[in-house]
Amino acid sequence: MKSELVSISEVKLNPNNPRTIKKIKFDKLVKSIKDFPQMLNIRPIVVDEDMIVLGGNMRLQALREAGFEQVPIIRAHGLTEEQKREFVVKDNISYGDWDWDMLANDFDALELDMYGMDLDPKLFQVEEDNESASEATATKFNDYTIYFGNEREMDIWYAFVRRLKDKFKDEDNISTRILRYIAEVYGDNNMKESQMILKFIEYDVEDGNAE
């Protein structure tokens, strides 16, 4: 089957697609499409004879959000209604597993996050275990370990890190970006170092996290 380029207004979202996406992940998808639109030609959206999406519902939504006027598609002809339903589900199933060791060693975690990948906490742990951060002993922590209590915490952290990357493009080190950010906050608020520390403690207390 050959792909073709059509007006995005011709393609219809599939109302029976059971796949959903959280806003922060949807934003990642939009950004990844903007950053690498050529990938759409390699992996077009699959539609049926009525131009209803069988594969690529989220991508179509992201394309609309990104302002695309055309989209590459592949038409799937001759499928029964049952086969269409089966295609929708199977297209969203992941049969394989990631090799997290290879990802951690050969790829930058921030880079993977920018690609829109769901990051596994194992990427940021020195050793794999099932203990929470509160249960982990001090010997399991080092300067390069980040433990997230849940997916929301991880999403917030990486949204912040992405913002720093955009803000301080001349820096290639995350630690330096964070230090520059702190210095900027310090300068903008005319705070002394002791005041700044108290401000962070105050935020922690107000948030209900301090003991």
N, C-alpha and C. Protein backbone atom coordinates (compact mmCIF):
# COMPACT_ATOMS: atom_id res chain seq x y z
N MET A 1 0.83 -1.20 0.00
CA MET A 1 0.00 0.00 0.00
C MET A 1 0.87 1.25 0.00
N LYS A 2 0.49 2.23 -0.83
CA LYS A 2 1.23 3.47 -0.90
C LYS A 2 0.54 4.54 -0.07
N SER A 3 1.34 5.40 0.50
CA SER A 3 0.77 6.50 1.28
C SER A 3 0.43 7.65 0.35
N GLU A 4 -0.46 8.50 0.78
CA GLU A 4 -0.84 9.69 0.02
C GLU A 4 -1.04 10.84 0.97
N LEU A 5 -0.89 12.05 0.45
CA LEU A 5 -1.04 13.25 1.26
C LEU A 5 -2.42 13.83 1.03
N VAL A 6 -3.19 14.01 2.11
CA VAL A 6 -4.54 14.55 1.99
C VAL A 6 -4.73 15.70 2.96
N SER A 7 -5.80 16.45 2.75
CA SER A 7 -6.13 17.53 3.68
C SER A 7 -6.50 16.93 5.02
N ILE A 8 -6.00 17.52 6.09
CA ILE A 8 -6.25 16.98 7.42
C ILE A 8 -7.74 17.03 7.78
N SER A 9 -8.47 17.93 7.14
CA SER A 9 -9.90 18.04 7.40
C SER A 9 -10.68 16.84 6.88
N GLU A 10 -10.08 16.08 5.96
CA GLU A 10 -10.75 14.90 5.40
C GLU A 10 -10.69 13.70 6.34
N VAL A 11 -9.70 13.71 7.23
CA VAL A 11 -9.48 12.55 8.11
C VAL A 11 -10.30 12.71 9.39
N LYS A 12 -11.00 11.62 9.77
CA LYS A 12 -11.90 11.67 10.91
C LYS A 12 -11.35 10.86 12.08
N LEU A 13 -11.42 11.44 13.27
CA LEU A 13 -11.04 10.71 14.47
C LEU A 13 -11.97 9.53 14.68
N ASN A 14 -11.42 8.45 15.23
CA ASN A 14 -12.21 7.27 15.51
C ASN A 14 -12.83 7.39 16.91
N PRO A 15 -14.15 7.54 17.00
CA PRO A 15 -14.79 7.71 18.32
C PRO A 15 -14.75 6.44 19.16
N ASN A 16 -14.46 5.31 18.52
CA ASN A 16 -14.45 4.03 19.23
C ASN A 16 -13.04 3.57 19.60
N ASN A 17 -12.07 4.49 19.47
CA ASN A 17 -10.70 4.14 19.85
C ASN A 17 -10.57 4.22 21.36
N PRO A 18 -10.22 3.11 22.04
CA PRO A 18 -10.16 3.10 23.51
C PRO A 18 -8.90 3.74 24.08
N ARG A 19 -8.00 4.18 23.23
CA ARG A 19 -6.75 4.76 23.69
C ARG A 19 -6.95 6.19 24.14
N THR A 20 -6.42 6.56 25.31
CA THR A 20 -6.47 7.93 25.82
C THR A 20 -5.04 8.41 26.07
N ILE A 21 -4.91 9.70 26.32
CA ILE A 21 -3.58 10.26 26.56
C ILE A 21 -3.70 11.43 27.53
N LYS A 22 -2.75 11.52 28.47
CA LYS A 22 -2.73 12.63 29.42
C LYS A 22 -2.19 13.87 28.72
N LYS A 23 -2.58 15.03 29.23
CA LYS A 23 -2.22 16.28 28.59
C LYS A 23 -0.71 16.45 28.44
N ILE A 24 0.03 16.15 29.50
CA ILE A 24 1.48 16.36 29.43
C ILE A 24 2.12 15.45 28.39
N LYS A 25 1.58 14.24 28.23
CA LYS A 25 2.09 13.33 27.21
C LYS A 25 1.64 13.76 25.82
N PHE A 26 0.43 14.32 25.74
CA PHE A 26 -0.05 14.84 24.47
C PHE A 26 0.82 15.99 24.01
N ASP A 27 1.20 16.86 24.96
CA ASP A 27 2.08 17.98 24.63
C ASP A 27 3.43 17.47 24.11
N LYS A 28 3.92 16.37 24.69
CA LYS A 28 5.17 15.78 24.22
C LYS A 28 5.01 15.29 22.78
N LEU A 29 3.87 14.68 22.50
CA LEU A 29 3.62 14.16 21.15
C LEU A 29 3.57 15.29 20.14
N VAL A 30 2.90 16.39 20.49
CA VAL A 30 2.83 17.55 19.61
C VAL A 30 4.23 18.08 19.31
N LYS A 31 5.03 18.20 20.36
CA LYS A 31 6.40 18.72 20.19
C LYS A 31 7.25 17.77 19.35
N SER A 32 7.10 16.47 19.57
CA SER A 32 7.91 15.51 18.82
C SER A 32 7.58 15.56 17.33
N ILE A 33 6.31 15.78 17.01
CA ILE A 33 5.89 15.89 15.61
C ILE A 33 6.44 17.16 14.99
N LYS A 34 6.40 18.25 15.74
CA LYS A 34 6.96 19.51 15.23
C LYS A 34 8.46 19.38 15.00
N ASP A 35 9.15 18.69 15.91
CA ASP A 35 10.60 18.56 15.82
C ASP A 35 11.03 17.60 14.70
N PHE A 36 10.19 16.60 14.41
CA PHE A 36 10.59 15.57 13.44
C PHE A 36 9.39 15.19 12.56
N PRO A 37 8.88 16.12 11.73
CA PRO A 37 7.70 15.85 10.91
C PRO A 37 7.95 14.80 9.83
N GLN A 38 9.22 14.59 9.46
CA GLN A 38 9.53 13.60 8.43
C GLN A 38 9.09 12.19 8.84
N MET A 39 8.99 11.96 10.14
CA MET A 39 8.62 10.64 10.61
C MET A 39 7.20 10.26 10.17
N LEU A 40 6.36 11.27 9.94
CA LEU A 40 4.99 11.00 9.52
C LEU A 40 4.93 10.33 8.15
N ASN A 41 5.90 10.64 7.29
CA ASN A 41 5.94 10.01 5.97
C ASN A 41 6.35 8.55 6.07
N ILE A 42 7.12 8.24 7.11
CA ILE A 42 7.57 6.86 7.31
C ILE A 42 6.48 6.04 7.98
N ARG A 43 5.70 6.69 8.84
CA ARG A 43 4.63 6.01 9.56
C ARG A 43 3.32 6.79 9.39
N PRO A 44 2.66 6.64 8.22
CA PRO A 44 1.43 7.40 7.96
C PRO A 44 0.28 6.93 8.85
N ILE A 45 -0.75 7.73 8.91
CA ILE A 45 -1.98 7.37 9.62
C ILE A 45 -2.77 6.40 8.75
N VAL A 46 -3.31 5.36 9.38
CA VAL A 46 -4.10 4.36 8.65
C VAL A 46 -5.58 4.68 8.79
N VAL A 47 -6.29 4.73 7.65
CA VAL A 47 -7.73 5.04 7.67
C VAL A 47 -8.49 3.96 6.90
N ASP A 48 -9.80 3.90 7.17
CA ASP A 48 -10.64 2.97 6.40
C ASP A 48 -11.22 3.69 5.19
N GLU A 49 -12.14 3.04 4.49
CA GLU A 49 -12.69 3.63 3.27
C GLU A 49 -13.53 4.88 3.53
N ASP A 50 -13.92 5.10 4.80
CA ASP A 50 -14.68 6.30 5.16
C ASP A 50 -13.79 7.38 5.76
N MET A 51 -12.48 7.19 5.67
CA MET A 51 -11.48 8.14 6.18
C MET A 51 -11.50 8.24 7.70
N ILE A 52 -11.99 7.19 8.36
CA ILE A 52 -11.95 7.12 9.83
C ILE A 52 -10.65 6.44 10.25
N VAL A 53 -9.98 7.01 11.23
CA VAL A 53 -8.67 6.53 11.65
C VAL A 53 -8.77 5.13 12.27
N LEU A 54 -7.90 4.25 11.80
CA LEU A 54 -7.74 2.93 12.41
C LEU A 54 -6.45 2.88 13.22
N GLY A 55 -5.46 3.60 12.76
CA GLY A 55 -4.18 3.65 13.47
C GLY A 55 -3.59 5.05 13.41
N GLY A 56 -3.51 5.71 14.56
CA GLY A 56 -2.92 7.05 14.59
C GLY A 56 -3.88 8.11 15.10
N ASN A 57 -4.85 7.73 15.93
CA ASN A 57 -5.82 8.68 16.46
C ASN A 57 -5.16 9.83 17.21
N MET A 58 -4.20 9.48 18.10
CA MET A 58 -3.52 10.50 18.89
C MET A 58 -2.63 11.39 18.01
N ARG A 59 -2.01 10.76 17.02
CA ARG A 59 -1.17 11.55 16.11
C ARG A 59 -2.00 12.57 15.32
N LEU A 60 -3.20 12.15 14.92
CA LEU A 60 -4.07 13.08 14.19
C LEU A 60 -4.44 14.27 15.07
N GLN A 61 -4.78 14.00 16.33
CA GLN A 61 -5.10 15.09 17.25
C GLN A 61 -3.90 16.01 17.44
N ALA A 62 -2.72 15.41 17.55
CA ALA A 62 -1.50 16.20 17.73
C ALA A 62 -1.20 17.03 16.49
N LEU A 63 -1.45 16.47 15.32
CA LEU A 63 -1.22 17.19 14.07
C LEU A 63 -2.15 18.41 13.97
N ARG A 64 -3.38 18.21 14.38
CA ARG A 64 -4.32 19.34 14.39
C ARG A 64 -3.86 20.42 15.35
N GLU A 65 -3.43 19.99 16.53
CA GLU A 65 -2.95 20.93 17.55
C GLU A 65 -1.73 21.69 17.04
N ALA A 66 -0.88 21.00 16.29
CA ALA A 66 0.36 21.61 15.78
C ALA A 66 0.12 22.49 14.56
N GLY A 67 -1.11 22.48 14.04
CA GLY A 67 -1.43 23.36 12.92
C GLY A 67 -1.16 22.80 11.53
N PHE A 68 -0.98 21.48 11.42
CA PHE A 68 -0.74 20.87 10.12
C PHE A 68 -2.02 20.94 9.27
N GLU A 69 -1.86 21.21 7.99
CA GLU A 69 -3.00 21.28 7.08
C GLU A 69 -3.13 20.02 6.24
N GLN A 70 -2.04 19.26 6.12
CA GLN A 70 -2.06 18.01 5.36
C GLN A 70 -1.45 16.90 6.20
N VAL A 71 -1.83 15.67 5.86
CA VAL A 71 -1.33 14.53 6.62
C VAL A 71 -1.18 13.33 5.69
N PRO A 72 -0.08 12.56 5.82
CA PRO A 72 0.07 11.35 5.02
C PRO A 72 -0.79 10.23 5.58
N ILE A 73 -1.48 9.51 4.69
CA ILE A 73 -2.34 8.41 5.14
C ILE A 73 -2.11 7.17 4.28
N ILE A 74 -2.55 6.04 4.82
CA ILE A 74 -2.64 4.79 4.06
C ILE A 74 -4.08 4.31 4.19
N ARG A 75 -4.71 4.00 3.06
CA ARG A 75 -6.09 3.53 3.08
C ARG A 75 -6.12 2.01 3.21
N ALA A 76 -6.85 1.53 4.21
CA ALA A 76 -7.01 0.09 4.40
C ALA A 76 -8.38 -0.32 3.85
N HIS A 77 -8.36 -1.02 2.73
CA HIS A 77 -9.61 -1.41 2.08
C HIS A 77 -9.95 -2.87 2.40
N GLY A 78 -11.24 -3.19 2.34
CA GLY A 78 -11.69 -4.57 2.43
C GLY A 78 -11.70 -5.19 3.81
N LEU A 79 -11.59 -4.39 4.86
CA LEU A 79 -11.63 -4.94 6.21
C LEU A 79 -13.06 -5.01 6.72
N THR A 80 -13.37 -6.07 7.42
CA THR A 80 -14.68 -6.17 8.07
C THR A 80 -14.71 -5.27 9.29
N GLU A 81 -15.89 -5.01 9.82
CA GLU A 81 -16.01 -4.18 11.01
C GLU A 81 -15.26 -4.81 12.19
N GLU A 82 -15.31 -6.14 12.28
CA GLU A 82 -14.58 -6.84 13.33
C GLU A 82 -13.08 -6.68 13.17
N GLN A 83 -12.60 -6.76 11.93
CA GLN A 83 -11.17 -6.59 11.67
C GLN A 83 -10.71 -5.17 11.98
N LYS A 84 -11.57 -4.20 11.71
CA LYS A 84 -11.25 -2.80 12.03
C LYS A 84 -11.10 -2.62 13.54
N ARG A 85 -12.02 -3.20 14.29
CA ARG A 85 -11.96 -3.12 15.75
C ARG A 85 -10.68 -3.79 16.26
N GLU A 86 -10.36 -4.94 15.66
CA GLU A 86 -9.15 -5.67 16.05
C GLU A 86 -7.90 -4.85 15.73
N PHE A 87 -7.89 -4.20 14.56
CA PHE A 87 -6.75 -3.39 14.15
C PHE A 87 -6.52 -2.24 15.13
N VAL A 88 -7.60 -1.56 15.53
CA VAL A 88 -7.50 -0.43 16.44
C VAL A 88 -6.82 -0.83 17.75
N VAL A 89 -7.20 -2.00 18.27
CA VAL A 89 -6.62 -2.46 19.53
C VAL A 89 -5.18 -2.92 19.33
N LYS A 90 -4.94 -3.76 18.32
CA LYS A 90 -3.61 -4.31 18.12
C LYS A 90 -2.59 -3.25 17.74
N ASP A 91 -3.03 -2.20 17.08
CA ASP A 91 -2.11 -1.13 16.71
C ASP A 91 -1.57 -0.40 17.93
N ASN A 92 -2.29 -0.49 19.03
CA ASN A 92 -1.88 0.21 20.26
C ASN A 92 -1.23 -0.71 21.29
N ILE A 93 -1.09 -1.99 20.95
CA ILE A 93 -0.47 -2.93 21.88
C ILE A 93 1.04 -2.94 21.68
N SER A 94 1.75 -2.89 22.78
CA SER A 94 3.21 -3.02 22.73
C SER A 94 3.58 -4.43 23.15
N TYR A 95 4.12 -5.19 22.20
CA TYR A 95 4.43 -6.59 22.49
C TYR A 95 5.82 -6.76 23.11
N GLY A 96 6.69 -5.83 22.85
CA GLY A 96 8.06 -5.96 23.35
C GLY A 96 8.29 -5.16 24.63
N ASP A 97 9.48 -5.32 25.19
CA ASP A 97 9.89 -4.57 26.36
C ASP A 97 11.17 -3.80 26.04
N TRP A 98 11.34 -2.68 26.68
CA TRP A 98 12.56 -1.89 26.49
C TRP A 98 13.73 -2.53 27.24
N ASP A 99 14.89 -2.43 26.64
CA ASP A 99 16.12 -2.81 27.33
C ASP A 99 16.57 -1.56 28.09
N TRP A 100 16.16 -1.46 29.36
CA TRP A 100 16.42 -0.24 30.12
C TRP A 100 17.90 0.01 30.36
N ASP A 101 18.68 -1.06 30.48
CA ASP A 101 20.12 -0.87 30.66
C ASP A 101 20.73 -0.20 29.43
N MET A 102 20.31 -0.66 28.25
CA MET A 102 20.84 -0.07 27.02
C MET A 102 20.40 1.39 26.90
N LEU A 103 19.13 1.66 27.22
CA LEU A 103 18.65 3.04 27.15
C LEU A 103 19.42 3.95 28.09
N ALA A 104 19.65 3.45 29.31
CA ALA A 104 20.35 4.25 30.31
C ALA A 104 21.80 4.51 29.91
N ASN A 105 22.42 3.53 29.25
CA ASN A 105 23.84 3.65 28.91
C ASN A 105 24.08 4.36 27.58
N ASP A 106 23.17 4.19 26.62
CA ASP A 106 23.41 4.69 25.27
C ASP A 106 22.60 5.92 24.89
N PHE A 107 21.63 6.29 25.74
CA PHE A 107 20.80 7.43 25.43
C PHE A 107 20.74 8.36 26.62
N ASP A 108 20.52 9.65 26.34
CA ASP A 108 20.34 10.63 27.39
C ASP A 108 18.88 10.62 27.81
N ALA A 109 18.63 10.54 29.11
CA ALA A 109 17.26 10.44 29.62
C ALA A 109 16.41 11.64 29.20
N LEU A 110 17.00 12.83 29.24
CA LEU A 110 16.25 14.02 28.84
C LEU A 110 15.91 13.95 27.36
N GLU A 111 16.84 13.43 26.58
CA GLU A 111 16.60 13.28 25.14
C GLU A 111 15.43 12.33 24.89
N LEU A 112 15.39 11.22 25.62
CA LEU A 112 14.28 10.27 25.47
C LEU A 112 12.97 10.92 25.87
N ASP A 113 13.00 11.71 26.91
CA ASP A 113 11.80 12.40 27.35
C ASP A 113 11.32 13.39 26.29
N MET A 114 12.27 14.07 25.65
CA MET A 114 11.92 15.02 24.59
C MET A 114 11.31 14.30 23.40
N TYR A 115 11.71 13.03 23.19
CA TYR A 115 11.12 12.25 22.10
C TYR A 115 9.68 11.87 22.40
N GLY A 116 9.26 12.04 23.67
CA GLY A 116 7.90 11.71 24.06
C GLY A 116 7.76 10.34 24.69
N MET A 117 8.88 9.72 25.02
CA MET A 117 8.84 8.38 25.58
C MET A 117 8.45 8.40 27.06
N ASP A 118 7.66 7.40 27.47
CA ASP A 118 7.34 7.24 28.89
C ASP A 118 8.57 6.68 29.58
N LEU A 119 9.17 7.47 30.45
CA LEU A 119 10.41 7.07 31.09
C LEU A 119 10.15 6.20 32.30
N ASP A 120 10.89 5.12 32.40
CA ASP A 120 10.79 4.22 33.54
C ASP A 120 11.73 4.73 34.63
N PRO A 121 11.27 4.76 35.88
CA PRO A 121 12.13 5.22 36.98
C PRO A 121 13.46 4.48 37.06
N LYS A 122 13.54 3.27 36.50
CA LYS A 122 14.80 2.51 36.55
C LYS A 122 15.94 3.28 35.89
N LEU A 123 15.59 4.17 34.95
CA LEU A 123 16.63 4.94 34.27
C LEU A 123 17.39 5.83 35.24
N PHE A 124 16.79 6.14 36.38
CA PHE A 124 17.40 7.09 37.30
C PHE A 124 17.82 6.46 38.61
N GLN A 125 17.79 5.14 38.68
CA GLN A 125 18.17 4.47 39.90
C GLN A 125 19.50 3.74 39.72
N VAL A 126 20.29 3.76 40.75
CA VAL A 126 21.59 3.10 40.71
C VAL A 126 21.40 1.59 40.67
N GLU A 127 20.43 1.09 41.41
CA GLU A 127 20.14 -0.32 41.39
C GLU A 127 18.63 -0.52 41.40
N GLU A 128 18.19 -1.63 40.83
CA GLU A 128 16.76 -1.89 40.74
C GLU A 128 16.27 -2.51 42.04
N ASP A 129 15.19 -1.98 42.58
CA ASP A 129 14.55 -2.56 43.74
C ASP A 129 13.12 -2.07 43.78
N ASN A 130 12.33 -2.62 44.68
CA ASN A 130 10.92 -2.28 44.78
C ASN A 130 10.63 -1.38 45.97
N GLU A 131 11.67 -0.86 46.58
CA GLU A 131 11.46 -0.01 47.75
C GLU A 131 11.16 1.41 47.31
N SER A 132 10.36 2.10 48.08
CA SER A 132 10.09 3.51 47.82
C SER A 132 11.27 4.32 48.34
N ALA A 133 11.28 5.60 47.99
CA ALA A 133 12.38 6.45 48.43
C ALA A 133 12.43 6.55 49.95
N SER A 134 11.26 6.53 50.59
CA SER A 134 11.24 6.64 52.05
C SER A 134 11.78 5.40 52.72
N GLU A 135 11.73 4.25 52.03
CA GLU A 135 12.19 3.00 52.61
C GLU A 135 13.65 2.72 52.27
N ALA A 136 14.15 3.41 51.24
CA ALA A 136 15.51 3.15 50.79
C ALA A 136 16.51 3.66 51.83
N THR A 137 17.57 2.95 52.02
CA THR A 137 18.59 3.37 52.99
C THR A 137 19.52 4.37 52.34
N ALA A 138 20.24 5.10 53.18
CA ALA A 138 21.12 6.15 52.69
C ALA A 138 22.20 5.61 51.77
N THR A 139 22.60 4.37 51.96
CA THR A 139 23.66 3.81 51.14
C THR A 139 23.23 3.60 49.70
N LYS A 140 21.92 3.64 49.45
CA LYS A 140 21.45 3.43 48.09
C LYS A 140 21.35 4.74 47.30
N PHE A 141 21.68 5.85 47.93
CA PHE A 141 21.63 7.13 47.26
C PHE A 141 23.05 7.61 46.93
N ASN A 142 23.17 8.29 45.81
CA ASN A 142 24.39 9.02 45.53
C ASN A 142 24.01 10.30 44.79
N ASP A 143 24.98 11.07 44.38
CA ASP A 143 24.71 12.37 43.79
C ASP A 143 23.96 12.29 42.46
N TYR A 144 23.87 11.11 41.87
CA TYR A 144 23.26 10.99 40.55
C TYR A 144 21.93 10.25 40.60
N THR A 145 21.41 10.02 41.80
CA THR A 145 20.18 9.25 41.93
C THR A 145 18.98 10.17 42.10
N ILE A 146 17.92 9.93 41.33
CA ILE A 146 16.67 10.66 41.49
C ILE A 146 15.56 9.63 41.66
N TYR A 147 14.85 9.71 42.75
CA TYR A 147 13.73 8.81 42.99
C TYR A 147 12.43 9.60 42.86
N PHE A 148 11.48 9.07 42.10
CA PHE A 148 10.18 9.72 41.96
C PHE A 148 9.15 8.88 42.69
N GLY A 149 8.29 9.54 43.46
CA GLY A 149 7.27 8.82 44.19
C GLY A 149 6.14 8.34 43.31
N ASN A 150 5.90 9.06 42.18
CA ASN A 150 4.84 8.68 41.27
C ASN A 150 5.09 9.32 39.91
N GLU A 151 4.23 8.99 38.95
CA GLU A 151 4.41 9.47 37.58
C GLU A 151 4.25 10.98 37.49
N ARG A 152 3.35 11.55 38.29
CA ARG A 152 3.13 13.00 38.25
C ARG A 152 4.39 13.75 38.65
N GLU A 153 5.07 13.28 39.69
CA GLU A 153 6.31 13.93 40.13
C GLU A 153 7.34 13.91 39.00
N MET A 154 7.44 12.76 38.31
CA MET A 154 8.41 12.64 37.22
C MET A 154 8.04 13.57 36.07
N ASP A 155 6.75 13.68 35.74
CA ASP A 155 6.31 14.56 34.66
C ASP A 155 6.61 16.02 34.98
N ILE A 156 6.35 16.42 36.24
CA ILE A 156 6.62 17.80 36.65
C ILE A 156 8.10 18.12 36.55
N TRP A 157 8.93 17.19 37.03
CA TRP A 157 10.38 17.39 37.00
C TRP A 157 10.87 17.57 35.57
N TYR A 158 10.43 16.71 34.66
CA TYR A 158 10.95 16.78 33.30
C TYR A 158 10.36 17.93 32.50
N ALA A 159 9.17 18.38 32.88
CA ALA A 159 8.64 19.60 32.27
C ALA A 159 9.52 20.78 32.67
N PHE A 160 9.94 20.80 33.93
CA PHE A 160 10.83 21.85 34.43
C PHE A 160 12.19 21.79 33.75
N VAL A 161 12.74 20.58 33.62
CA VAL A 161 14.05 20.42 32.99
C VAL A 161 14.01 20.84 31.52
N ARG A 162 12.91 20.51 30.83
CA ARG A 162 12.77 20.92 29.43
C ARG A 162 12.73 22.44 29.31
N ARG A 163 12.05 23.08 30.27
CA ARG A 163 11.98 24.54 30.26
C ARG A 163 13.36 25.16 30.44
N LEU A 164 14.13 24.56 31.33
CA LEU A 164 15.49 25.06 31.54
C LEU A 164 16.35 24.88 30.30
N LYS A 165 16.15 23.76 29.59
CA LYS A 165 16.93 23.51 28.38
C LYS A 165 16.62 24.56 27.31
N ASP A 166 15.35 24.96 27.20
CA ASP A 166 14.96 25.99 26.24
C ASP A 166 15.47 27.36 26.68
N LYS A 167 15.47 27.59 27.99
CA LYS A 167 15.84 28.90 28.52
C LYS A 167 17.35 29.13 28.48
N PHE A 168 18.13 28.09 28.78
CA PHE A 168 19.59 28.21 28.82
C PHE A 168 20.21 27.32 27.74
N LYS A 169 19.95 27.66 26.49
CA LYS A 169 20.40 26.82 25.38
C LYS A 169 21.91 26.78 25.24
N ASP A 170 22.59 27.77 25.81
CA ASP A 170 24.05 27.80 25.71
C ASP A 170 24.72 26.85 26.69
N GLU A 171 23.95 26.27 27.60
CA GLU A 171 24.50 25.32 28.57
C GLU A 171 24.14 23.90 28.16
N ASP A 172 25.11 22.99 28.28
CA ASP A 172 24.83 21.59 27.92
C ASP A 172 24.82 20.68 29.14
N ASN A 173 24.79 21.31 30.32
CA ASN A 173 24.81 20.55 31.57
C ASN A 173 23.58 20.92 32.41
N ILE A 174 22.80 19.90 32.81
CA ILE A 174 21.57 20.14 33.55
C ILE A 174 21.86 20.85 34.87
N SER A 175 22.92 20.42 35.56
CA SER A 175 23.27 21.03 36.86
C SER A 175 23.54 22.52 36.72
N THR A 176 24.26 22.89 35.65
CA THR A 176 24.58 24.30 35.42
C THR A 176 23.32 25.10 35.14
N ARG A 177 22.41 24.49 34.37
CA ARG A 177 21.15 25.18 34.08
C ARG A 177 20.36 25.45 35.36
N ILE A 178 20.32 24.45 36.23
CA ILE A 178 19.59 24.61 37.49
C ILE A 178 20.22 25.70 38.34
N LEU A 179 21.56 25.72 38.41
CA LEU A 179 22.25 26.73 39.19
C LEU A 179 21.99 28.13 38.62
N ARG A 180 21.97 28.24 37.30
CA ARG A 180 21.69 29.54 36.68
C ARG A 180 20.26 29.98 36.97
N TYR A 181 19.35 29.00 36.96
CA TYR A 181 17.95 29.31 37.27
C TYR A 181 17.82 29.83 38.69
N ILE A 182 18.48 29.15 39.65
CA ILE A 182 18.44 29.58 41.05
C ILE A 182 19.04 30.97 41.19
N ALA A 183 20.16 31.20 40.50
CA ALA A 183 20.82 32.51 40.57
C ALA A 183 19.91 33.60 40.02
N GLU A 184 19.16 33.27 38.97
CA GLU A 184 18.24 34.24 38.37
C GLU A 184 17.10 34.58 39.32
N VAL A 185 16.53 33.54 39.96
CA VAL A 185 15.47 33.77 40.93
C VAL A 185 16.00 34.62 42.08
N TYR A 186 17.22 34.28 42.50
CA TYR A 186 17.88 35.01 43.59
C TYR A 186 18.02 36.49 43.23
N GLY A 187 18.46 36.76 41.99
CA GLY A 187 18.67 38.13 41.57
C GLY A 187 17.39 38.90 41.36
N ASP A 188 16.39 38.27 40.74
CA ASP A 188 15.12 38.94 40.45
C ASP A 188 14.38 39.35 41.71
N ASN A 189 14.55 38.59 42.78
CA ASN A 189 13.83 38.87 44.02
C ASN A 189 14.67 39.61 45.05
N ASN A 190 15.91 39.99 44.64
CA ASN A 190 16.80 40.73 45.53
C ASN A 190 16.93 40.07 46.90
N MET A 191 17.04 38.76 46.89
CA MET A 191 17.12 38.04 48.16
C MET A 191 18.57 37.74 48.53
N LYS A 192 18.83 37.82 49.82
CA LYS A 192 20.10 37.34 50.32
C LYS A 192 20.06 35.82 50.32
N GLU A 193 21.23 35.21 50.42
CA GLU A 193 21.29 33.74 50.38
C GLU A 193 20.44 33.12 51.48
N SER A 194 20.51 33.68 52.68
CA SER A 194 19.74 33.12 53.79
C SER A 194 18.24 33.25 53.55
N GLN A 195 17.83 34.38 52.94
CA GLN A 195 16.42 34.58 52.64
C GLN A 195 15.94 33.57 51.60
N MET A 196 16.82 33.28 50.65
CA MET A 196 16.44 32.35 49.60
C MET A 196 16.24 30.95 50.16
N ILE A 197 17.12 30.56 51.06
CA ILE A 197 16.98 29.24 51.69
C ILE A 197 15.68 29.17 52.47
N LEU A 198 15.37 30.25 53.20
CA LEU A 198 14.13 30.28 53.97
C LEU A 198 12.91 30.23 53.05
N LYS A 199 13.04 30.83 51.87
CA LYS A 199 11.94 30.82 50.92
C LYS A 199 11.63 29.39 50.46
N PHE A 200 12.68 28.63 50.20
CA PHE A 200 12.48 27.24 49.79
C PHE A 200 11.87 26.43 50.93
N ILE A 201 12.35 26.67 52.16
CA ILE A 201 11.80 25.96 53.33
C ILE A 201 10.34 26.35 53.52
N GLU A 202 10.04 27.64 53.36
CA GLU A 202 8.67 28.12 53.51
C GLU A 202 7.74 27.43 52.50
N TYR A 203 8.21 27.30 51.27
CA TYR A 203 7.42 26.64 50.24
C TYR A 203 7.16 25.19 50.63
N ASP A 204 8.19 24.54 51.16
CA ASP A 204 8.07 23.14 51.56
C ASP A 204 7.05 22.98 52.68
N VAL A 205 7.09 23.91 53.64
CA VAL A 205 6.17 23.85 54.77
C VAL A 205 4.74 24.10 54.32
N GLU A 206 4.56 25.13 53.47
CA GLU A 206 3.22 25.46 52.99
C GLU A 206 2.63 24.34 52.15
N ASP A 207 3.52 23.62 51.49
CA ASP A 207 3.06 22.50 50.64
C ASP A 207 2.72 21.28 51.46
N GLY A 208 3.05 21.34 52.77
CA GLY A 208 2.71 20.23 53.66
C GLY A 208 3.69 19.08 53.61
N ASN A 209 4.91 19.36 53.10
CA ASN A 209 5.88 18.25 52.97
C ASN A 209 6.88 18.22 54.11
N ALA A 210 7.04 19.36 54.80
CA ALA A 210 8.04 19.40 55.87
C ALA A 210 7.48 18.79 57.14
N GLU A 211 8.35 18.23 57.93
CA GLU A 211 7.93 17.60 59.19
C GLU A 211 8.17 18.58 60.34
